[in-house]
Amino acid sequence: MIEKILPAGVASAELLAYPEDLQPHPAEAHLIEKSVEKRRRDFIGARHCARLALAELGEAPVAIGKGERGAPVWPRGIVGSLTHCDGYRAAALGHKLRFRSIGIDAEPHGTLPDGVLDSVSLPPERDWLARVDGSGLHLDRLLFCAKEATYKAWWPLTARWLGFEDAHITFTIDESSDGAGSGTFHSQILVPGQVTDGGAPLISFDGRWMIGDGLILTAIVHD
């Protein structure tokens, strides 16, 4: 599914069913030795997807460490992003010579829990949600999913926190006849976007989203 919202040149892999014999890379096992089973499966499954994507890029299936704020540590010359939710794990990777950063996120297609929307959204975003006809799409959860992808694209370039209130997201919606949906989104950054890679400061990100098979997927590929 995730490959449908990624551009050419980005390698991806996903797991919908978890292989019972899947084991962590030997050099990663210490990172999850005290984790609960769900956390272990998410960690192992997402990194398994990352190694499949690395192979697609012609790279070795190396261990993927954990850096500040839990961000994955990619091999030199690689940018990427991991995501997981109930019943789904995925990775999207690309070469740094072509892409500056990647951010993906997956969420179950359901309404956000009570009280969450106010804490993750801006007033103009809530106004849009109140006006738009989503035709059965859980657009509040889509907004949350796009905010998560925005943060994942932002962090590797800035090494700074980006709060939910620090990006204003707008959407286009192209709904299919079967109740699924897809479209684009624009994340306008509302704080200074100085970066650490020598590139232009971040002003905004553009991404794609889709809903299907009970999942919401969002992806930003910034070049």
N, C-alpha and C. Protein backbone atom coordinates (compact mmCIF):
# COMPACT_ATOMS: atom_id res chain seq x y z
N MET A 1 0.81 -1.22 0.00
CA MET A 1 0.00 0.00 0.00
C MET A 1 0.85 1.27 0.00
N ILE A 2 1.86 1.32 0.86
CA ILE A 2 2.61 2.56 1.06
C ILE A 2 3.27 3.04 -0.22
N GLU A 3 3.65 2.10 -1.10
CA GLU A 3 4.34 2.49 -2.33
C GLU A 3 3.47 3.36 -3.23
N LYS A 4 2.14 3.32 -3.04
CA LYS A 4 1.23 4.09 -3.88
C LYS A 4 1.35 5.59 -3.65
N ILE A 5 1.87 5.99 -2.49
CA ILE A 5 1.99 7.42 -2.18
C ILE A 5 3.44 7.86 -2.08
N LEU A 6 4.35 7.05 -2.63
CA LEU A 6 5.77 7.39 -2.63
C LEU A 6 6.25 7.60 -4.06
N PRO A 7 7.18 8.53 -4.29
CA PRO A 7 7.67 8.77 -5.64
C PRO A 7 8.70 7.72 -6.07
N ALA A 8 9.00 7.72 -7.34
CA ALA A 8 10.06 6.85 -7.86
C ALA A 8 11.37 7.18 -7.17
N GLY A 9 12.15 6.16 -6.90
CA GLY A 9 13.43 6.33 -6.23
C GLY A 9 13.39 6.07 -4.75
N VAL A 10 12.19 6.01 -4.17
CA VAL A 10 12.04 5.66 -2.75
C VAL A 10 11.69 4.18 -2.66
N ALA A 11 12.48 3.43 -1.91
CA ALA A 11 12.22 2.00 -1.70
C ALA A 11 11.38 1.82 -0.44
N SER A 12 10.45 0.87 -0.48
CA SER A 12 9.59 0.66 0.68
C SER A 12 9.29 -0.81 0.86
N ALA A 13 8.88 -1.15 2.07
CA ALA A 13 8.42 -2.50 2.39
C ALA A 13 7.45 -2.38 3.55
N GLU A 14 6.53 -3.35 3.64
CA GLU A 14 5.53 -3.31 4.71
C GLU A 14 5.16 -4.73 5.13
N LEU A 15 4.70 -4.84 6.37
CA LEU A 15 4.22 -6.10 6.92
C LEU A 15 2.80 -5.90 7.42
N LEU A 16 1.86 -6.65 6.89
CA LEU A 16 0.50 -6.65 7.42
C LEU A 16 0.29 -7.82 8.37
N ALA A 17 0.93 -8.95 8.07
CA ALA A 17 0.91 -10.11 8.96
C ALA A 17 2.32 -10.29 9.52
N TYR A 18 2.41 -10.56 10.80
CA TYR A 18 3.73 -10.65 11.45
C TYR A 18 4.23 -12.09 11.42
N PRO A 19 5.36 -12.37 10.77
CA PRO A 19 5.91 -13.74 10.76
C PRO A 19 6.33 -14.17 12.16
N GLU A 20 5.84 -15.28 12.63
CA GLU A 20 6.12 -15.70 13.99
C GLU A 20 7.59 -16.00 14.24
N ASP A 21 8.33 -16.33 13.18
CA ASP A 21 9.75 -16.66 13.35
C ASP A 21 10.67 -15.47 13.13
N LEU A 22 10.10 -14.27 13.00
CA LEU A 22 10.92 -13.09 12.74
C LEU A 22 11.72 -12.73 13.99
N GLN A 23 13.02 -12.55 13.83
CA GLN A 23 13.91 -12.26 14.94
C GLN A 23 14.63 -10.93 14.70
N PRO A 24 15.06 -10.26 15.78
CA PRO A 24 15.80 -9.01 15.59
C PRO A 24 17.19 -9.26 15.03
N HIS A 25 17.74 -8.28 14.39
CA HIS A 25 19.14 -8.33 13.99
C HIS A 25 19.97 -8.51 15.27
N PRO A 26 20.98 -9.35 15.26
CA PRO A 26 21.77 -9.58 16.49
C PRO A 26 22.32 -8.30 17.12
N ALA A 27 22.65 -7.32 16.29
CA ALA A 27 23.20 -6.08 16.82
C ALA A 27 22.13 -5.11 17.32
N GLU A 28 20.85 -5.48 17.18
CA GLU A 28 19.76 -4.64 17.65
C GLU A 28 19.07 -5.21 18.88
N ALA A 29 19.32 -6.48 19.18
CA ALA A 29 18.56 -7.17 20.22
C ALA A 29 18.64 -6.47 21.57
N HIS A 30 19.79 -5.89 21.88
CA HIS A 30 19.94 -5.24 23.20
C HIS A 30 19.04 -4.02 23.35
N LEU A 31 18.60 -3.46 22.24
CA LEU A 31 17.76 -2.26 22.29
C LEU A 31 16.34 -2.56 22.77
N ILE A 32 15.93 -3.82 22.70
CA ILE A 32 14.55 -4.18 23.06
C ILE A 32 14.50 -5.31 24.09
N GLU A 33 15.62 -5.56 24.75
CA GLU A 33 15.65 -6.72 25.66
C GLU A 33 14.69 -6.57 26.84
N LYS A 34 14.31 -5.35 27.19
CA LYS A 34 13.38 -5.14 28.30
C LYS A 34 12.01 -4.67 27.83
N SER A 35 11.78 -4.70 26.53
CA SER A 35 10.52 -4.19 25.98
C SER A 35 9.40 -5.21 26.09
N VAL A 36 8.17 -4.72 26.17
CA VAL A 36 7.01 -5.60 26.16
C VAL A 36 6.86 -6.19 24.76
N GLU A 37 6.05 -7.24 24.63
CA GLU A 37 5.97 -7.98 23.37
C GLU A 37 5.51 -7.11 22.21
N LYS A 38 4.51 -6.27 22.42
CA LYS A 38 4.05 -5.43 21.31
C LYS A 38 5.16 -4.50 20.83
N ARG A 39 5.88 -3.91 21.76
CA ARG A 39 6.97 -3.02 21.39
C ARG A 39 8.05 -3.79 20.64
N ARG A 40 8.35 -5.02 21.08
CA ARG A 40 9.34 -5.84 20.40
C ARG A 40 8.92 -6.11 18.95
N ARG A 41 7.66 -6.48 18.76
CA ARG A 41 7.18 -6.79 17.41
C ARG A 41 7.22 -5.57 16.50
N ASP A 42 6.83 -4.42 17.03
CA ASP A 42 6.87 -3.21 16.23
C ASP A 42 8.30 -2.87 15.83
N PHE A 43 9.21 -2.96 16.78
CA PHE A 43 10.61 -2.64 16.53
C PHE A 43 11.21 -3.61 15.50
N ILE A 44 11.02 -4.91 15.74
CA ILE A 44 11.59 -5.92 14.85
C ILE A 44 10.95 -5.84 13.46
N GLY A 45 9.63 -5.73 13.42
CA GLY A 45 8.93 -5.72 12.15
C GLY A 45 9.29 -4.52 11.29
N ALA A 46 9.33 -3.32 11.89
CA ALA A 46 9.65 -2.13 11.12
C ALA A 46 11.09 -2.17 10.60
N ARG A 47 12.00 -2.65 11.42
CA ARG A 47 13.40 -2.73 10.97
C ARG A 47 13.60 -3.85 9.95
N HIS A 48 12.82 -4.90 10.04
CA HIS A 48 12.85 -5.92 8.99
C HIS A 48 12.43 -5.29 7.66
N CYS A 49 11.38 -4.47 7.69
CA CYS A 49 10.96 -3.76 6.48
C CYS A 49 12.07 -2.85 5.97
N ALA A 50 12.77 -2.18 6.89
CA ALA A 50 13.84 -1.28 6.48
C ALA A 50 14.95 -2.04 5.76
N ARG A 51 15.28 -3.23 6.24
CA ARG A 51 16.34 -4.00 5.57
C ARG A 51 15.89 -4.49 4.19
N LEU A 52 14.62 -4.79 4.05
CA LEU A 52 14.11 -5.13 2.71
C LEU A 52 14.23 -3.92 1.78
N ALA A 53 13.93 -2.74 2.30
CA ALA A 53 14.05 -1.53 1.49
C ALA A 53 15.51 -1.23 1.18
N LEU A 54 16.40 -1.45 2.13
CA LEU A 54 17.83 -1.27 1.87
C LEU A 54 18.30 -2.16 0.73
N ALA A 55 17.85 -3.40 0.74
CA ALA A 55 18.23 -4.33 -0.33
C ALA A 55 17.74 -3.82 -1.68
N GLU A 56 16.53 -3.25 -1.70
CA GLU A 56 15.99 -2.70 -2.94
C GLU A 56 16.84 -1.55 -3.47
N LEU A 57 17.48 -0.83 -2.54
CA LEU A 57 18.36 0.26 -2.92
C LEU A 57 19.78 -0.21 -3.25
N GLY A 58 20.02 -1.51 -3.12
CA GLY A 58 21.35 -2.04 -3.38
C GLY A 58 22.30 -1.91 -2.21
N GLU A 59 21.75 -1.73 -1.01
CA GLU A 59 22.57 -1.56 0.19
C GLU A 59 22.57 -2.83 1.04
N ALA A 60 23.57 -2.95 1.90
CA ALA A 60 23.69 -4.12 2.77
C ALA A 60 22.61 -4.09 3.86
N PRO A 61 22.14 -5.27 4.31
CA PRO A 61 21.09 -5.35 5.34
C PRO A 61 21.66 -5.18 6.75
N VAL A 62 22.10 -3.99 7.07
CA VAL A 62 22.81 -3.72 8.32
C VAL A 62 21.84 -3.51 9.48
N ALA A 63 22.41 -3.52 10.68
CA ALA A 63 21.65 -3.16 11.87
C ALA A 63 21.27 -1.69 11.81
N ILE A 64 20.12 -1.37 12.39
CA ILE A 64 19.62 0.01 12.40
C ILE A 64 19.47 0.42 13.86
N GLY A 65 20.36 1.27 14.30
CA GLY A 65 20.38 1.67 15.69
C GLY A 65 19.26 2.63 16.05
N LYS A 66 19.34 3.14 17.27
CA LYS A 66 18.33 4.06 17.78
C LYS A 66 19.03 5.28 18.32
N GLY A 67 18.68 6.46 17.80
CA GLY A 67 19.33 7.69 18.20
C GLY A 67 18.50 8.51 19.15
N GLU A 68 18.74 9.81 19.14
CA GLU A 68 18.04 10.72 20.02
C GLU A 68 16.54 10.69 19.75
N ARG A 69 15.75 10.70 20.82
CA ARG A 69 14.28 10.61 20.74
C ARG A 69 13.82 9.36 20.00
N GLY A 70 14.66 8.32 19.99
CA GLY A 70 14.28 7.05 19.40
C GLY A 70 14.33 7.00 17.89
N ALA A 71 14.85 8.05 17.25
CA ALA A 71 14.91 8.08 15.79
C ALA A 71 15.85 6.99 15.27
N PRO A 72 15.50 6.32 14.18
CA PRO A 72 16.39 5.30 13.62
C PRO A 72 17.68 5.92 13.11
N VAL A 73 18.78 5.18 13.27
CA VAL A 73 20.08 5.63 12.78
C VAL A 73 20.36 4.89 11.48
N TRP A 74 20.30 5.62 10.37
CA TRP A 74 20.43 5.00 9.06
C TRP A 74 21.89 4.87 8.65
N PRO A 75 22.20 3.93 7.75
CA PRO A 75 23.55 3.86 7.21
C PRO A 75 23.91 5.17 6.51
N ARG A 76 25.18 5.43 6.41
CA ARG A 76 25.64 6.65 5.75
C ARG A 76 25.08 6.71 4.32
N GLY A 77 24.58 7.88 3.95
CA GLY A 77 24.06 8.08 2.61
C GLY A 77 22.61 7.71 2.42
N ILE A 78 21.94 7.31 3.52
CA ILE A 78 20.54 6.88 3.45
C ILE A 78 19.67 7.79 4.31
N VAL A 79 18.49 8.12 3.82
CA VAL A 79 17.46 8.78 4.62
C VAL A 79 16.24 7.87 4.62
N GLY A 80 15.43 7.97 5.64
CA GLY A 80 14.27 7.08 5.68
C GLY A 80 13.37 7.35 6.86
N SER A 81 12.35 6.52 6.97
CA SER A 81 11.36 6.66 8.03
C SER A 81 10.71 5.30 8.28
N LEU A 82 10.34 5.07 9.54
CA LEU A 82 9.64 3.86 9.95
C LEU A 82 8.28 4.24 10.50
N THR A 83 7.34 3.30 10.45
CA THR A 83 6.05 3.49 11.10
C THR A 83 5.46 2.15 11.49
N HIS A 84 4.58 2.19 12.48
CA HIS A 84 3.87 0.97 12.87
C HIS A 84 2.60 1.36 13.62
N CYS A 85 1.59 0.55 13.46
CA CYS A 85 0.37 0.61 14.26
C CYS A 85 -0.18 -0.80 14.32
N ASP A 86 -1.29 -1.01 14.96
CA ASP A 86 -1.84 -2.36 15.10
C ASP A 86 -2.00 -3.01 13.72
N GLY A 87 -1.32 -4.13 13.53
CA GLY A 87 -1.46 -4.89 12.31
C GLY A 87 -0.68 -4.36 11.12
N TYR A 88 0.23 -3.41 11.35
CA TYR A 88 0.94 -2.82 10.21
C TYR A 88 2.30 -2.29 10.64
N ARG A 89 3.33 -2.62 9.86
CA ARG A 89 4.67 -2.04 10.03
C ARG A 89 5.20 -1.72 8.64
N ALA A 90 5.95 -0.63 8.51
CA ALA A 90 6.46 -0.24 7.19
C ALA A 90 7.71 0.61 7.32
N ALA A 91 8.45 0.68 6.21
CA ALA A 91 9.64 1.53 6.11
C ALA A 91 9.69 2.10 4.71
N ALA A 92 10.25 3.31 4.60
CA ALA A 92 10.49 3.96 3.29
C ALA A 92 11.86 4.60 3.36
N LEU A 93 12.72 4.29 2.38
CA LEU A 93 14.11 4.74 2.38
C LEU A 93 14.50 5.26 1.01
N GLY A 94 15.48 6.16 1.01
CA GLY A 94 16.03 6.67 -0.24
C GLY A 94 17.48 7.08 -0.05
N HIS A 95 18.14 7.37 -1.14
CA HIS A 95 19.52 7.83 -1.08
C HIS A 95 19.57 9.33 -0.79
N LYS A 96 20.46 9.72 0.11
CA LYS A 96 20.58 11.12 0.53
C LYS A 96 20.99 12.04 -0.62
N LEU A 97 21.68 11.51 -1.61
CA LEU A 97 22.05 12.34 -2.75
C LEU A 97 20.82 12.79 -3.54
N ARG A 98 19.71 12.10 -3.37
CA ARG A 98 18.49 12.42 -4.12
C ARG A 98 17.42 13.07 -3.24
N PHE A 99 17.33 12.66 -1.99
CA PHE A 99 16.27 13.16 -1.10
C PHE A 99 16.89 13.69 0.20
N ARG A 100 16.30 14.77 0.73
CA ARG A 100 16.81 15.34 1.98
C ARG A 100 16.23 14.62 3.19
N SER A 101 14.96 14.28 3.14
CA SER A 101 14.35 13.57 4.27
C SER A 101 13.06 12.89 3.82
N ILE A 102 12.64 11.91 4.62
CA ILE A 102 11.41 11.16 4.36
C ILE A 102 10.68 11.03 5.69
N GLY A 103 9.37 11.17 5.65
CA GLY A 103 8.56 10.94 6.84
C GLY A 103 7.30 10.19 6.46
N ILE A 104 7.07 9.03 7.09
CA ILE A 104 5.83 8.28 6.84
C ILE A 104 5.16 8.00 8.17
N ASP A 105 3.84 7.82 8.12
CA ASP A 105 3.12 7.43 9.32
C ASP A 105 1.90 6.61 8.93
N ALA A 106 1.50 5.71 9.82
CA ALA A 106 0.31 4.86 9.65
C ALA A 106 -0.53 4.93 10.91
N GLU A 107 -1.83 5.00 10.72
CA GLU A 107 -2.78 5.02 11.84
C GLU A 107 -3.98 4.16 11.47
N PRO A 108 -4.65 3.57 12.46
CA PRO A 108 -5.91 2.88 12.15
C PRO A 108 -6.94 3.89 11.69
N HIS A 109 -7.79 3.48 10.75
CA HIS A 109 -8.80 4.40 10.23
C HIS A 109 -9.99 4.41 11.19
N GLY A 110 -9.87 5.27 12.18
CA GLY A 110 -10.92 5.42 13.18
C GLY A 110 -10.85 6.80 13.79
N THR A 111 -11.90 7.19 14.50
CA THR A 111 -11.95 8.50 15.13
C THR A 111 -10.90 8.62 16.22
N LEU A 112 -10.32 9.80 16.36
CA LEU A 112 -9.38 10.04 17.46
C LEU A 112 -10.10 9.89 18.80
N PRO A 113 -9.42 9.43 19.84
CA PRO A 113 -10.03 9.39 21.17
C PRO A 113 -10.49 10.78 21.61
N ASP A 114 -11.51 10.81 22.46
CA ASP A 114 -12.04 12.07 22.96
C ASP A 114 -10.93 12.93 23.56
N GLY A 115 -10.94 14.20 23.22
CA GLY A 115 -10.00 15.15 23.79
C GLY A 115 -8.68 15.28 23.07
N VAL A 116 -8.38 14.34 22.18
CA VAL A 116 -7.07 14.39 21.51
C VAL A 116 -7.01 15.47 20.45
N LEU A 117 -8.09 15.65 19.69
CA LEU A 117 -8.06 16.59 18.58
C LEU A 117 -7.65 17.99 19.03
N ASP A 118 -8.20 18.47 20.13
CA ASP A 118 -7.88 19.83 20.59
C ASP A 118 -6.41 19.99 20.90
N SER A 119 -5.75 18.91 21.32
CA SER A 119 -4.34 19.00 21.71
C SER A 119 -3.38 18.84 20.54
N VAL A 120 -3.88 18.37 19.39
CA VAL A 120 -2.97 18.13 18.25
C VAL A 120 -3.29 19.02 17.06
N SER A 121 -4.24 19.92 17.18
CA SER A 121 -4.67 20.70 16.02
C SER A 121 -4.71 22.19 16.33
N LEU A 122 -4.69 22.98 15.26
CA LEU A 122 -4.83 24.42 15.34
C LEU A 122 -6.29 24.81 15.05
N PRO A 123 -6.74 25.98 15.53
CA PRO A 123 -8.12 26.40 15.26
C PRO A 123 -8.50 26.35 13.78
N PRO A 124 -7.65 26.83 12.83
CA PRO A 124 -8.06 26.74 11.42
C PRO A 124 -8.22 25.29 10.94
N GLU A 125 -7.45 24.37 11.50
CA GLU A 125 -7.59 22.96 11.13
C GLU A 125 -8.91 22.40 11.64
N ARG A 126 -9.28 22.78 12.87
CA ARG A 126 -10.57 22.32 13.41
C ARG A 126 -11.73 22.95 12.65
N ASP A 127 -11.56 24.19 12.23
CA ASP A 127 -12.61 24.83 11.41
C ASP A 127 -12.81 24.06 10.11
N TRP A 128 -11.72 23.66 9.48
CA TRP A 128 -11.82 22.89 8.23
C TRP A 128 -12.51 21.55 8.48
N LEU A 129 -12.15 20.87 9.55
CA LEU A 129 -12.79 19.59 9.86
C LEU A 129 -14.28 19.74 10.07
N ALA A 130 -14.69 20.87 10.65
CA ALA A 130 -16.11 21.10 10.91
C ALA A 130 -16.88 21.38 9.62
N ARG A 131 -16.18 21.91 8.61
CA ARG A 131 -16.85 22.30 7.36
C ARG A 131 -16.84 21.21 6.30
N VAL A 132 -15.79 20.43 6.24
CA VAL A 132 -15.58 19.53 5.11
C VAL A 132 -16.51 18.32 5.19
N ASP A 133 -16.93 17.85 4.04
CA ASP A 133 -17.72 16.61 3.96
C ASP A 133 -16.75 15.46 3.71
N GLY A 134 -16.46 14.72 4.75
CA GLY A 134 -15.50 13.62 4.63
C GLY A 134 -16.10 12.34 4.10
N SER A 135 -17.39 12.26 3.97
CA SER A 135 -18.07 11.08 3.42
C SER A 135 -17.58 9.78 4.07
N GLY A 136 -17.59 9.77 5.38
CA GLY A 136 -17.22 8.55 6.09
C GLY A 136 -15.74 8.40 6.40
N LEU A 137 -14.92 9.35 5.94
CA LEU A 137 -13.49 9.31 6.24
C LEU A 137 -13.23 9.97 7.60
N HIS A 138 -12.35 9.37 8.38
CA HIS A 138 -12.00 9.91 9.69
C HIS A 138 -10.88 10.93 9.51
N LEU A 139 -11.27 12.14 9.14
CA LEU A 139 -10.28 13.16 8.78
C LEU A 139 -9.56 13.71 10.00
N ASP A 140 -10.14 13.58 11.19
CA ASP A 140 -9.40 14.00 12.39
C ASP A 140 -8.17 13.12 12.58
N ARG A 141 -8.33 11.83 12.35
CA ARG A 141 -7.18 10.92 12.47
C ARG A 141 -6.20 11.15 11.31
N LEU A 142 -6.69 11.48 10.13
CA LEU A 142 -5.81 11.81 9.02
C LEU A 142 -4.94 13.01 9.37
N LEU A 143 -5.53 14.03 9.99
CA LEU A 143 -4.76 15.19 10.41
C LEU A 143 -3.65 14.80 11.36
N PHE A 144 -3.96 13.98 12.33
CA PHE A 144 -2.95 13.51 13.29
C PHE A 144 -1.84 12.77 12.56
N CYS A 145 -2.21 11.90 11.61
CA CYS A 145 -1.26 11.09 10.86
C CYS A 145 -0.33 11.99 10.04
N ALA A 146 -0.87 13.03 9.43
CA ALA A 146 -0.06 13.96 8.65
C ALA A 146 0.88 14.76 9.54
N LYS A 147 0.44 15.10 10.75
CA LYS A 147 1.32 15.80 11.69
C LYS A 147 2.50 14.92 12.08
N GLU A 148 2.25 13.63 12.27
CA GLU A 148 3.32 12.71 12.63
C GLU A 148 4.33 12.58 11.48
N ALA A 149 3.85 12.47 10.26
CA ALA A 149 4.76 12.39 9.11
C ALA A 149 5.57 13.67 8.98
N THR A 150 4.95 14.81 9.27
CA THR A 150 5.65 16.09 9.22
C THR A 150 6.80 16.12 10.21
N TYR A 151 6.54 15.69 11.43
CA TYR A 151 7.61 15.66 12.44
C TYR A 151 8.75 14.73 12.01
N LYS A 152 8.40 13.57 11.45
CA LYS A 152 9.43 12.62 11.05
C LYS A 152 10.29 13.15 9.90
N ALA A 153 9.71 13.98 9.04
CA ALA A 153 10.50 14.60 7.97
C ALA A 153 11.34 15.76 8.50
N TRP A 154 10.85 16.44 9.52
CA TRP A 154 11.50 17.61 10.10
C TRP A 154 12.71 17.24 10.95
N TRP A 155 12.56 16.26 11.82
CA TRP A 155 13.58 15.97 12.83
C TRP A 155 14.97 15.68 12.25
N PRO A 156 15.13 14.84 11.23
CA PRO A 156 16.48 14.54 10.75
C PRO A 156 17.22 15.75 10.20
N LEU A 157 16.48 16.77 9.76
CA LEU A 157 17.09 17.95 9.17
C LEU A 157 17.36 19.05 10.18
N THR A 158 16.74 18.99 11.34
CA THR A 158 16.84 20.08 12.31
C THR A 158 17.34 19.64 13.68
N ALA A 159 17.09 18.37 14.02
CA ALA A 159 17.39 17.86 15.37
C ALA A 159 16.69 18.71 16.44
N ARG A 160 15.52 19.21 16.10
CA ARG A 160 14.74 20.01 17.04
C ARG A 160 13.30 19.51 17.09
N TRP A 161 12.69 19.68 18.24
CA TRP A 161 11.29 19.30 18.43
C TRP A 161 10.39 20.16 17.55
N LEU A 162 9.34 19.58 17.03
CA LEU A 162 8.29 20.30 16.31
C LEU A 162 6.97 19.92 16.93
N GLY A 163 6.33 20.86 17.57
CA GLY A 163 5.07 20.57 18.24
C GLY A 163 3.90 20.51 17.25
N PHE A 164 2.80 19.92 17.71
CA PHE A 164 1.61 19.84 16.85
C PHE A 164 1.15 21.23 16.42
N GLU A 165 1.39 22.23 17.29
CA GLU A 165 0.95 23.59 16.99
C GLU A 165 1.92 24.32 16.06
N ASP A 166 3.03 23.69 15.69
CA ASP A 166 4.07 24.36 14.91
C ASP A 166 3.95 24.11 13.41
N ALA A 167 2.93 23.41 12.98
CA ALA A 167 2.70 23.19 11.55
C ALA A 167 1.20 23.26 11.28
N HIS A 168 0.84 24.00 10.26
CA HIS A 168 -0.56 24.12 9.83
C HIS A 168 -0.74 23.28 8.58
N ILE A 169 -1.61 22.29 8.64
CA ILE A 169 -1.76 21.34 7.54
C ILE A 169 -3.09 21.54 6.84
N THR A 170 -3.01 21.59 5.51
CA THR A 170 -4.20 21.66 4.67
C THR A 170 -4.20 20.47 3.72
N PHE A 171 -5.39 20.08 3.28
CA PHE A 171 -5.54 18.85 2.51
C PHE A 171 -6.31 19.08 1.22
N THR A 172 -6.01 18.25 0.22
CA THR A 172 -6.92 18.03 -0.90
C THR A 172 -7.44 16.60 -0.76
N ILE A 173 -8.68 16.37 -1.19
CA ILE A 173 -9.32 15.06 -1.06
C ILE A 173 -9.81 14.60 -2.42
N ASP A 174 -9.39 13.42 -2.79
CA ASP A 174 -9.87 12.80 -4.02
C ASP A 174 -10.43 11.44 -3.64
N GLU A 175 -11.72 11.39 -3.35
CA GLU A 175 -12.32 10.18 -2.82
C GLU A 175 -12.72 9.23 -3.95
N SER A 176 -12.53 7.95 -3.72
CA SER A 176 -12.98 6.93 -4.66
C SER A 176 -14.40 6.51 -4.32
N SER A 177 -15.00 5.77 -5.22
CA SER A 177 -16.41 5.40 -5.05
C SER A 177 -16.63 4.32 -4.00
N ASP A 178 -15.55 3.66 -3.57
CA ASP A 178 -15.73 2.56 -2.62
C ASP A 178 -15.57 2.98 -1.17
N GLY A 179 -15.51 4.28 -0.92
CA GLY A 179 -15.41 4.76 0.45
C GLY A 179 -13.99 4.98 0.91
N ALA A 180 -12.99 4.53 0.13
CA ALA A 180 -11.61 4.84 0.46
C ALA A 180 -11.32 6.27 0.04
N GLY A 181 -10.16 6.76 0.35
CA GLY A 181 -9.83 8.12 -0.01
C GLY A 181 -8.35 8.28 -0.27
N SER A 182 -8.01 9.37 -0.93
CA SER A 182 -6.61 9.69 -1.18
C SER A 182 -6.52 11.17 -1.48
N GLY A 183 -5.31 11.68 -1.53
CA GLY A 183 -5.12 13.09 -1.83
C GLY A 183 -3.75 13.56 -1.45
N THR A 184 -3.62 14.87 -1.32
CA THR A 184 -2.34 15.48 -0.95
C THR A 184 -2.53 16.30 0.31
N PHE A 185 -1.41 16.69 0.91
CA PHE A 185 -1.46 17.63 2.03
C PHE A 185 -0.25 18.55 1.99
N HIS A 186 -0.40 19.71 2.58
CA HIS A 186 0.64 20.73 2.65
C HIS A 186 0.84 21.10 4.12
N SER A 187 2.06 20.97 4.59
CA SER A 187 2.40 21.31 5.98
C SER A 187 3.17 22.62 5.99
N GLN A 188 2.54 23.67 6.42
CA GLN A 188 3.20 24.98 6.51
C GLN A 188 3.87 25.08 7.88
N ILE A 189 5.18 25.22 7.89
CA ILE A 189 5.93 25.28 9.14
C ILE A 189 5.80 26.69 9.73
N LEU A 190 5.48 26.77 11.02
CA LEU A 190 5.19 28.05 11.67
C LEU A 190 6.29 28.51 12.59
N VAL A 191 7.42 27.81 12.62
CA VAL A 191 8.57 28.18 13.45
C VAL A 191 9.79 28.26 12.54
N PRO A 192 10.88 28.93 12.99
CA PRO A 192 12.09 29.00 12.17
C PRO A 192 12.59 27.61 11.79
N GLY A 193 12.98 27.46 10.51
CA GLY A 193 13.31 26.13 9.99
C GLY A 193 14.77 25.93 9.66
N GLN A 194 15.67 26.48 10.49
CA GLN A 194 17.09 26.27 10.24
C GLN A 194 17.44 24.79 10.29
N VAL A 195 18.31 24.37 9.38
CA VAL A 195 18.64 22.95 9.23
C VAL A 195 20.12 22.71 9.51
N THR A 196 20.47 21.45 9.65
CA THR A 196 21.85 21.07 9.97
C THR A 196 22.60 20.50 8.78
N ASP A 197 21.95 20.36 7.62
CA ASP A 197 22.60 19.73 6.47
C ASP A 197 23.14 20.73 5.45
N GLY A 198 23.10 22.02 5.80
CA GLY A 198 23.61 23.03 4.90
C GLY A 198 22.63 23.45 3.82
N GLY A 199 21.45 22.88 3.81
CA GLY A 199 20.46 23.20 2.80
C GLY A 199 19.60 24.39 3.19
N ALA A 200 18.61 24.65 2.35
CA ALA A 200 17.70 25.76 2.60
C ALA A 200 16.86 25.50 3.84
N PRO A 201 16.56 26.55 4.61
CA PRO A 201 15.68 26.38 5.77
C PRO A 201 14.33 25.81 5.35
N LEU A 202 13.72 25.09 6.26
CA LEU A 202 12.43 24.47 5.99
C LEU A 202 11.31 25.48 6.18
N ILE A 203 10.51 25.62 5.15
CA ILE A 203 9.33 26.49 5.20
C ILE A 203 8.05 25.65 5.19
N SER A 204 8.08 24.56 4.43
CA SER A 204 6.89 23.72 4.31
C SER A 204 7.30 22.35 3.78
N PHE A 205 6.38 21.42 3.90
CA PHE A 205 6.49 20.09 3.30
C PHE A 205 5.22 19.82 2.50
N ASP A 206 5.36 19.03 1.46
CA ASP A 206 4.20 18.53 0.71
C ASP A 206 4.20 17.01 0.76
N GLY A 207 3.02 16.44 0.96
CA GLY A 207 2.93 14.99 1.08
C GLY A 207 1.69 14.44 0.41
N ARG A 208 1.58 13.12 0.47
CA ARG A 208 0.42 12.41 -0.05
C ARG A 208 -0.16 11.53 1.05
N TRP A 209 -1.46 11.22 0.90
CA TRP A 209 -2.12 10.35 1.86
C TRP A 209 -3.07 9.41 1.15
N MET A 210 -3.38 8.32 1.82
CA MET A 210 -4.39 7.40 1.31
C MET A 210 -5.04 6.68 2.48
N ILE A 211 -6.25 6.23 2.26
CA ILE A 211 -7.00 5.44 3.24
C ILE A 211 -7.49 4.19 2.53
N GLY A 212 -7.26 3.03 3.15
CA GLY A 212 -7.74 1.78 2.58
C GLY A 212 -7.43 0.62 3.50
N ASP A 213 -8.25 -0.40 3.44
CA ASP A 213 -8.05 -1.60 4.26
C ASP A 213 -7.92 -1.28 5.73
N GLY A 214 -8.68 -0.28 6.19
CA GLY A 214 -8.70 0.05 7.61
C GLY A 214 -7.51 0.84 8.10
N LEU A 215 -6.70 1.38 7.18
CA LEU A 215 -5.50 2.11 7.55
C LEU A 215 -5.49 3.50 6.92
N ILE A 216 -4.87 4.44 7.62
CA ILE A 216 -4.52 5.73 7.06
C ILE A 216 -3.00 5.77 6.91
N LEU A 217 -2.52 6.15 5.72
CA LEU A 217 -1.09 6.25 5.47
C LEU A 217 -0.78 7.65 4.96
N THR A 218 0.29 8.25 5.48
CA THR A 218 0.76 9.54 5.01
C THR A 218 2.24 9.44 4.70
N ALA A 219 2.69 10.24 3.74
CA ALA A 219 4.11 10.20 3.34
C ALA A 219 4.56 11.56 2.85
N ILE A 220 5.72 11.99 3.34
CA ILE A 220 6.41 13.19 2.87
C ILE A 220 7.77 12.75 2.36
N VAL A 221 8.11 13.14 1.15
CA VAL A 221 9.45 12.91 0.60
C VAL A 221 9.97 14.27 0.17
N HIS A 222 10.96 14.77 0.90
CA HIS A 222 11.45 16.13 0.71
C HIS A 222 12.79 16.10 -0.03
N ASP A 223 12.84 16.78 -1.16
CA ASP A 223 14.09 16.78 -1.94
C ASP A 223 14.65 18.18 -2.11
